[in-house]
C-alpha atoms as a PDB file:
ATOM      1  CA  UNK A   1     -24.283  19.459  -6.266  1.00  0.00           C
ATOM      2  CA  UNK A   2     -23.359  17.054  -3.481  1.00  0.00           C
ATOM      3  CA  UNK A   3     -19.897  15.531  -3.458  1.00  0.00           C
ATOM      4  CA  UNK A   4     -19.550  11.806  -2.970  1.00  0.00           C
ATOM      5  CA  UNK A   5     -17.678  10.918   0.200  1.00  0.00           C
ATOM      6  CA  UNK A   6     -14.970   8.299  -0.012  1.00  0.00           C
ATOM      7  CA  UNK A   7     -14.710   5.849   2.841  1.00  0.00           C
ATOM      8  CA  UNK A   8     -11.256   5.386   4.329  1.00  0.00           C
ATOM      9  CA  UNK A   9     -10.148   1.884   5.194  1.00  0.00           C
ATOM     10  CA  UNK A  10      -7.061   1.469   7.330  1.00  0.00           C
ATOM     11  CA  UNK A  11      -5.313  -1.743   6.342  1.00  0.00           C
ATOM     12  CA  UNK A  12      -3.231  -3.939   8.565  1.00  0.00           C
ATOM     13  CA  UNK A  13      -0.552  -6.446   7.650  1.00  0.00           C
ATOM     14  CA  UNK A  14      -2.938  -9.392   7.751  1.00  0.00           C
ATOM     15  CA  UNK A  15      -5.190  -7.978   5.029  1.00  0.00           C
ATOM     16  CA  UNK A  16      -2.264  -7.338   2.696  1.00  0.00           C
ATOM     17  CA  UNK A  17      -0.703 -10.771   3.275  1.00  0.00           C
ATOM     18  CA  UNK A  18      -4.073 -12.481   2.806  1.00  0.00           C
ATOM     19  CA  UNK A  19      -4.638 -10.606  -0.454  1.00  0.00           C
ATOM     20  CA  UNK A  20      -1.128 -11.450  -1.680  1.00  0.00           C
ATOM     21  CA  UNK A  21      -1.598 -15.151  -0.978  1.00  0.00           C
ATOM     22  CA  UNK A  22      -5.125 -15.085  -2.399  1.00  0.00           C
ATOM     23  CA  UNK A  23      -6.178 -18.333  -0.738  1.00  0.00           C
ATOM     24  CA  UNK A  24      -9.801 -19.255  -0.105  1.00  0.00           C
ATOM     25  CA  UNK A  25     -12.659 -16.953   0.675  1.00  0.00           C
ATOM     26  CA  UNK A  26     -10.516 -14.730   2.914  1.00  0.00           C
ATOM     27  CA  UNK A  27      -8.106 -14.106   0.045  1.00  0.00           C
ATOM     28  CA  UNK A  28     -10.964 -13.282  -2.301  1.00  0.00           C
ATOM     29  CA  UNK A  29     -12.510 -10.902   0.228  1.00  0.00           C
ATOM     30  CA  UNK A  30      -9.172  -9.140   0.760  1.00  0.00           C
ATOM     31  CA  UNK A  31      -8.631  -8.759  -3.000  1.00  0.00           C
ATOM     32  CA  UNK A  32     -12.148  -7.389  -3.460  1.00  0.00           C
ATOM     33  CA  UNK A  33     -11.501  -4.837  -0.722  1.00  0.00           C
ATOM     34  CA  UNK A  34      -8.271  -3.706  -2.389  1.00  0.00           C
ATOM     35  CA  UNK A  35     -10.082  -3.354  -5.726  1.00  0.00           C
ATOM     36  CA  UNK A  36     -13.051  -1.409  -4.326  1.00  0.00           C
ATOM     37  CA  UNK A  37     -13.059   2.022  -6.024  1.00  0.00           C
ATOM     38  CA  UNK A  38     -15.249   3.403  -3.239  1.00  0.00           C
ATOM     39  CA  UNK A  39     -12.526   2.958  -0.634  1.00  0.00           C
ATOM     40  CA  UNK A  40      -9.529   5.138   0.056  1.00  0.00           C
ATOM     41  CA  UNK A  41      -6.976   2.646   1.365  1.00  0.00           C
ATOM     42  CA  UNK A  42      -4.673   3.876   4.107  1.00  0.00           C
ATOM     43  CA  UNK A  43      -1.545   2.029   5.244  1.00  0.00           C
ATOM     44  CA  UNK A  44       0.766   3.255   7.976  1.00  0.00           C
ATOM     45  CA  UNK A  45       4.547   3.306   7.793  1.00  0.00           C
ATOM     46  CA  UNK A  46       4.526   0.738  10.609  1.00  0.00           C
ATOM     47  CA  UNK A  47       2.681  -1.733   8.359  1.00  0.00           C
ATOM     48  CA  UNK A  48       5.263  -1.270   5.580  1.00  0.00           C
ATOM     49  CA  UNK A  49       8.059  -1.795   8.109  1.00  0.00           C
ATOM     50  CA  UNK A  50       6.364  -5.012   9.177  1.00  0.00           C
ATOM     51  CA  UNK A  51       5.814  -6.278   5.614  1.00  0.00           C
ATOM     52  CA  UNK A  52       8.915  -5.412   3.617  1.00  0.00           C
ATOM     53  CA  UNK A  53      12.080  -6.505   5.488  1.00  0.00           C
ATOM     54  CA  UNK A  54      11.834 -10.232   4.721  1.00  0.00           C
ATOM     55  CA  UNK A  55      11.041  -9.929   0.973  1.00  0.00           C
ATOM     56  CA  UNK A  56      13.768  -7.283   0.592  1.00  0.00           C
ATOM     57  CA  UNK A  57      16.325  -9.380   2.484  1.00  0.00           C
ATOM     58  CA  UNK A  58      15.466 -12.494   0.463  1.00  0.00           C
ATOM     59  CA  UNK A  59      15.460 -10.480  -2.802  1.00  0.00           C
ATOM     60  CA  UNK A  60      11.855 -11.409  -3.593  1.00  0.00           C
ATOM     61  CA  UNK A  61      11.327  -8.353  -5.755  1.00  0.00           C
ATOM     62  CA  UNK A  62       7.833  -9.412  -6.837  1.00  0.00           C
ATOM     63  CA  UNK A  63       6.599  -9.100  -3.250  1.00  0.00           C
ATOM     64  CA  UNK A  64       8.645  -6.039  -2.358  1.00  0.00           C
ATOM     65  CA  UNK A  65       7.549  -4.144  -5.472  1.00  0.00           C
ATOM     66  CA  UNK A  66       3.928  -4.219  -4.290  1.00  0.00           C
ATOM     67  CA  UNK A  67       4.945  -1.930  -1.453  1.00  0.00           C
ATOM     68  CA  UNK A  68       4.717   1.786  -1.950  1.00  0.00           C
END
């Protein structure tokens, strides 16, 4: 019985911001990527450090809660 391999996709800040904003075809593509069950999404600590300071500082909990 062969096991199905999961593809890893390493996300950068731009993909996550584009998905969050959800604007146009780029937003749709980013959301589809995040919803793809065949992908194992990988995000580095550096990406979280780039994304979270502003929403946390401005108390935008809706954005910050989508972190880890």
